[in-house]
C-alpha atoms as a PDB file:
ATOM      1  CA  MET A   1      69.455 -23.251  -0.426  1.00  0.00           C
ATOM      2  CA  TYR A   2      68.952 -22.245  -3.975  1.00  0.00           C
ATOM      3  CA  LEU A   3      66.289 -20.233  -5.740  1.00  0.00           C
ATOM      4  CA  GLN A   4      65.973 -20.550  -9.504  1.00  0.00           C
ATOM      5  CA  ILE A   5      64.188 -17.884 -11.485  1.00  0.00           C
ATOM      6  CA  LEU A   6      62.057 -19.940 -13.818  1.00  0.00           C
ATOM      7  CA  ALA A   7      61.293 -18.843 -17.346  1.00  0.00           C
ATOM      8  CA  ALA A   8      57.820 -18.886 -18.807  1.00  0.00           C
ATOM      9  CA  PRO A   9      57.097 -21.727 -21.241  1.00  0.00           C
ATOM     10  CA  GLY A  10      58.706 -21.036 -24.605  1.00  0.00           C
ATOM     11  CA  GLN A  11      61.238 -18.588 -23.169  1.00  0.00           C
ATOM     12  CA  ALA A  12      64.930 -19.151 -22.592  1.00  0.00           C
ATOM     13  CA  ALA A  13      66.073 -20.222 -19.140  1.00  0.00           C
ATOM     14  CA  SER A  14      67.238 -17.484 -16.815  1.00  0.00           C
ATOM     15  CA  PRO A  15      70.958 -16.631 -17.067  1.00  0.00           C
ATOM     16  CA  PHE A  16      71.194 -16.321 -13.280  1.00  0.00           C
ATOM     17  CA  LEU A  17      70.060 -17.916 -10.066  1.00  0.00           C
ATOM     18  CA  PHE A  18      69.797 -16.867  -6.443  1.00  0.00           C
ATOM     19  CA  VAL A  19      71.710 -18.740  -3.767  1.00  0.00           C
ATOM     20  CA  ARG A  20      71.586 -18.349  -0.026  1.00  0.00           C
ATOM     21  CA  GLY A  21      74.411 -16.051   0.923  1.00  0.00           C
ATOM     22  CA  THR A  22      77.183 -16.955   3.300  1.00  0.00           C
ATOM     23  CA  ALA A  23      76.372 -13.955   5.523  1.00  0.00           C
ATOM     24  CA  GLY A  24      72.976 -15.118   6.698  1.00  0.00           C
ATOM     25  CA  LYS A  25      70.179 -17.569   6.165  1.00  0.00           C
ATOM     26  CA  THR A  26      67.765 -14.951   4.854  1.00  0.00           C
ATOM     27  CA  THR A  27      70.154 -13.279   2.422  1.00  0.00           C
ATOM     28  CA  TYR A  28      70.085 -14.440  -1.192  1.00  0.00           C
ATOM     29  CA  THR A  29      72.788 -13.494  -3.655  1.00  0.00           C
ATOM     30  CA  ARG A  30      72.322 -13.270  -7.402  1.00  0.00           C
ATOM     31  CA  VAL A  31      74.828 -15.488  -9.225  1.00  0.00           C
ATOM     32  CA  GLU A  32      75.274 -15.308 -12.975  1.00  0.00           C
ATOM     33  CA  LYS A  33      75.515 -18.849 -14.350  1.00  0.00           C
ATOM     34  CA  LYS A  34      78.390 -17.763 -16.574  1.00  0.00           C
ATOM     35  CA  ASP A  35      80.380 -16.805 -13.431  1.00  0.00           C
ATOM     36  CA  ILE A  36      80.234 -20.298 -11.915  1.00  0.00           C
ATOM     37  CA  LEU A  37      83.771 -21.727 -11.956  1.00  0.00           C
ATOM     38  CA  PHE A  38      82.965 -25.223 -10.743  1.00  0.00           C
ATOM     39  CA  ALA A  39      80.706 -27.150  -8.414  1.00  0.00           C
ATOM     40  CA  GLN A  40      81.742 -29.886  -6.014  1.00  0.00           C
ATOM     41  CA  ALA A  41      79.579 -32.669  -4.629  1.00  0.00           C
ATOM     42  CA  ASP A  42      79.341 -32.828  -0.852  1.00  0.00           C
ATOM     43  CA  GLY A  43      76.968 -35.668  -0.059  1.00  0.00           C
ATOM     44  CA  ASN A  44      73.426 -34.471  -0.744  1.00  0.00           C
ATOM     45  CA  TYR A  45      74.710 -30.910  -1.050  1.00  0.00           C
ATOM     46  CA  THR A  46      76.699 -29.023  -3.656  1.00  0.00           C
ATOM     47  CA  ARG A  47      79.470 -26.522  -3.007  1.00  0.00           C
ATOM     48  CA  LEU A  48      79.364 -23.773  -5.621  1.00  0.00           C
ATOM     49  CA  PHE A  49      82.524 -21.815  -6.456  1.00  0.00           C
ATOM     50  CA  VAL A  50      81.915 -18.499  -8.205  1.00  0.00           C
ATOM     51  CA  ARG A  51      84.284 -16.048  -9.869  1.00  0.00           C
ATOM     52  CA  GLY A  52      85.199 -13.185  -7.554  1.00  0.00           C
ATOM     53  CA  GLN A  53      84.067 -15.002  -4.379  1.00  0.00           C
ATOM     54  CA  THR A  54      86.427 -16.464  -1.803  1.00  0.00           C
ATOM     55  CA  ASP A  55      83.835 -18.608  -0.019  1.00  0.00           C
ATOM     56  CA  ALA A  56      81.789 -21.370  -1.606  1.00  0.00           C
ATOM     57  CA  TYR A  57      78.011 -21.321  -1.563  1.00  0.00           C
ATOM     58  CA  TYR A  58      76.249 -24.433  -0.285  1.00  0.00           C
ATOM     59  CA  LEU A  59      73.228 -25.626  -2.224  1.00  0.00           C
ATOM     60  CA  SER A  60      70.763 -28.062  -0.701  1.00  0.00           C
ATOM     61  CA  MET A  61      70.687 -30.319  -3.752  1.00  0.00           C
ATOM     62  CA  ASN A  62      72.959 -32.963  -5.145  1.00  0.00           C
ATOM     63  CA  LEU A  63      75.357 -32.263  -7.995  1.00  0.00           C
ATOM     64  CA  GLY A  64      73.361 -34.234 -10.567  1.00  0.00           C
ATOM     65  CA  PHE A  65      70.208 -32.199  -9.973  1.00  0.00           C
ATOM     66  CA  PHE A  66      72.165 -28.942 -10.099  1.00  0.00           C
ATOM     67  CA  GLN A  67      73.841 -29.987 -13.353  1.00  0.00           C
ATOM     68  CA  ARG A  68      70.452 -30.264 -15.047  1.00  0.00           C
ATOM     69  CA  GLN A  69      69.883 -26.544 -14.345  1.00  0.00           C
ATOM     70  CA  LEU A  70      72.903 -25.518 -16.420  1.00  0.00           C
ATOM     71  CA  ASN A  71      73.816 -25.328 -20.091  1.00  0.00           C
ATOM     72  CA  PRO A  72      75.338 -28.709 -21.053  1.00  0.00           C
ATOM     73  CA  ASN A  73      77.539 -26.986 -23.660  1.00  0.00           C
ATOM     74  CA  ALA A  74      79.204 -24.790 -21.022  1.00  0.00           C
ATOM     75  CA  PHE A  75      79.611 -27.289 -18.178  1.00  0.00           C
ATOM     76  CA  TYR A  76      81.409 -30.631 -18.147  1.00  0.00           C
ATOM     77  CA  ARG A  77      81.053 -33.384 -15.534  1.00  0.00           C
ATOM     78  CA  LEU A  78      84.687 -34.120 -14.727  1.00  0.00           C
ATOM     79  CA  SER A  79      83.843 -36.845 -12.219  1.00  0.00           C
ATOM     80  CA  ARG A  80      81.173 -37.822  -9.726  1.00  0.00           C
ATOM     81  CA  SER A  81      82.522 -35.032  -7.534  1.00  0.00           C
ATOM     82  CA  PHE A  82      83.164 -32.132  -9.920  1.00  0.00           C
ATOM     83  CA  LEU A  83      81.253 -30.170 -12.533  1.00  0.00           C
ATOM     84  CA  ILE A  84      83.409 -27.563 -14.287  1.00  0.00           C
ATOM     85  CA  ASN A  85      82.719 -24.530 -16.437  1.00  0.00           C
ATOM     86  CA  VAL A  86      84.819 -25.141 -19.555  1.00  0.00           C
ATOM     87  CA  THR A  87      85.230 -21.392 -20.104  1.00  0.00           C
ATOM     88  CA  TYR A  88      87.563 -21.177 -17.100  1.00  0.00           C
ATOM     89  CA  VAL A  89      89.759 -24.203 -17.848  1.00  0.00           C
ATOM     90  CA  GLU A  90      93.358 -22.970 -17.972  1.00  0.00           C
ATOM     91  CA  ALA A  91      95.260 -26.249 -18.385  1.00  0.00           C
ATOM     92  CA  VAL A  92      94.785 -29.993 -18.482  1.00  0.00           C
ATOM     93  CA  THR A  93      97.356 -32.612 -17.534  1.00  0.00           C
ATOM     94  CA  ASP A  94      97.111 -36.371 -17.125  1.00  0.00           C
ATOM     95  CA  ALA A  95      96.357 -35.925 -13.434  1.00  0.00           C
ATOM     96  CA  GLU A  96      94.476 -32.656 -13.063  1.00  0.00           C
ATOM     97  CA  VAL A  97      92.478 -29.839 -14.606  1.00  0.00           C
ATOM     98  CA  ILE A  98      93.273 -26.252 -13.636  1.00  0.00           C
ATOM     99  CA  VAL A  99      90.090 -24.176 -13.361  1.00  0.00           C
ATOM    100  CA  ALA A 100      90.682 -20.489 -12.584  1.00  0.00           C
ATOM    101  CA  GLY A 101      93.855 -21.304 -10.659  1.00  0.00           C
ATOM    102  CA  THR A 102      92.416 -24.259  -8.741  1.00  0.00           C
ATOM    103  CA  ALA A 103      93.756 -27.749  -9.462  1.00  0.00           C
ATOM    104  CA  LEU A 104      91.039 -30.412  -9.614  1.00  0.00           C
ATOM    105  CA  VAL A 105      92.222 -34.009  -9.647  1.00  0.00           C
ATOM    106  CA  ILE A 106      91.102 -36.136 -12.572  1.00  0.00           C
ATOM    107  CA  PRO A 107      90.089 -39.550 -11.263  1.00  0.00           C
ATOM    108  CA  SER A 108      92.332 -42.289 -12.580  1.00  0.00           C
ATOM    109  CA  LYS A 109      90.828 -45.232 -14.369  1.00  0.00           C
ATOM    110  CA  LYS A 110      90.767 -48.448 -12.465  1.00  0.00           C
ATOM    111  CA  SER A 111      93.987 -50.241 -13.077  1.00  0.00           C
ATOM    112  CA  LYS A 112      93.713 -53.271 -15.270  1.00  0.00           C
ATOM    113  CA  PRO A 113      94.671 -56.579 -13.738  1.00  0.00           C
ATOM    114  CA  SER A 114      98.150 -57.657 -14.593  1.00  0.00           C
ATOM    115  CA  SER A 115      98.419 -60.111 -17.456  1.00  0.00           C
ATOM    116  CA  ARG A 116     100.996 -61.983 -15.427  1.00  0.00           C
ATOM    117  CA  THR A 117     100.009 -63.946 -12.407  1.00  0.00           C
ATOM    118  CA  SER A 118     102.401 -65.206  -9.838  1.00  0.00           C
ATOM    119  CA  ILE A 119     102.222 -68.756  -8.668  1.00  0.00           C
ATOM    120  CA  ASP A 120     103.728 -69.475  -5.286  1.00  0.00           C
END
């Protein structure tokens, strides 16, 4: 579950949101958008990883919908499965991106068909 504090028309979007806490179904925790490390798709749900939290929050929305709630200049869609906060990127290799100490695999491009074909 997720509760967005909406701004009045003409005002800037809220810098935070409320998510259902891991302790109980009726507890909502305030999460600063700038503290979101990354989000991971989980079917029709999104797992939200936040700075200073050991457990992920589950949001009852898909990753694409959640992405539209965030600043596109601060968040990058790494793949269909991951949305990362570029502020917390520590390193990038050919195979992975390190976000706040967590390695996220970069999907490889589909391999091109070989230019050589074997004839048996």
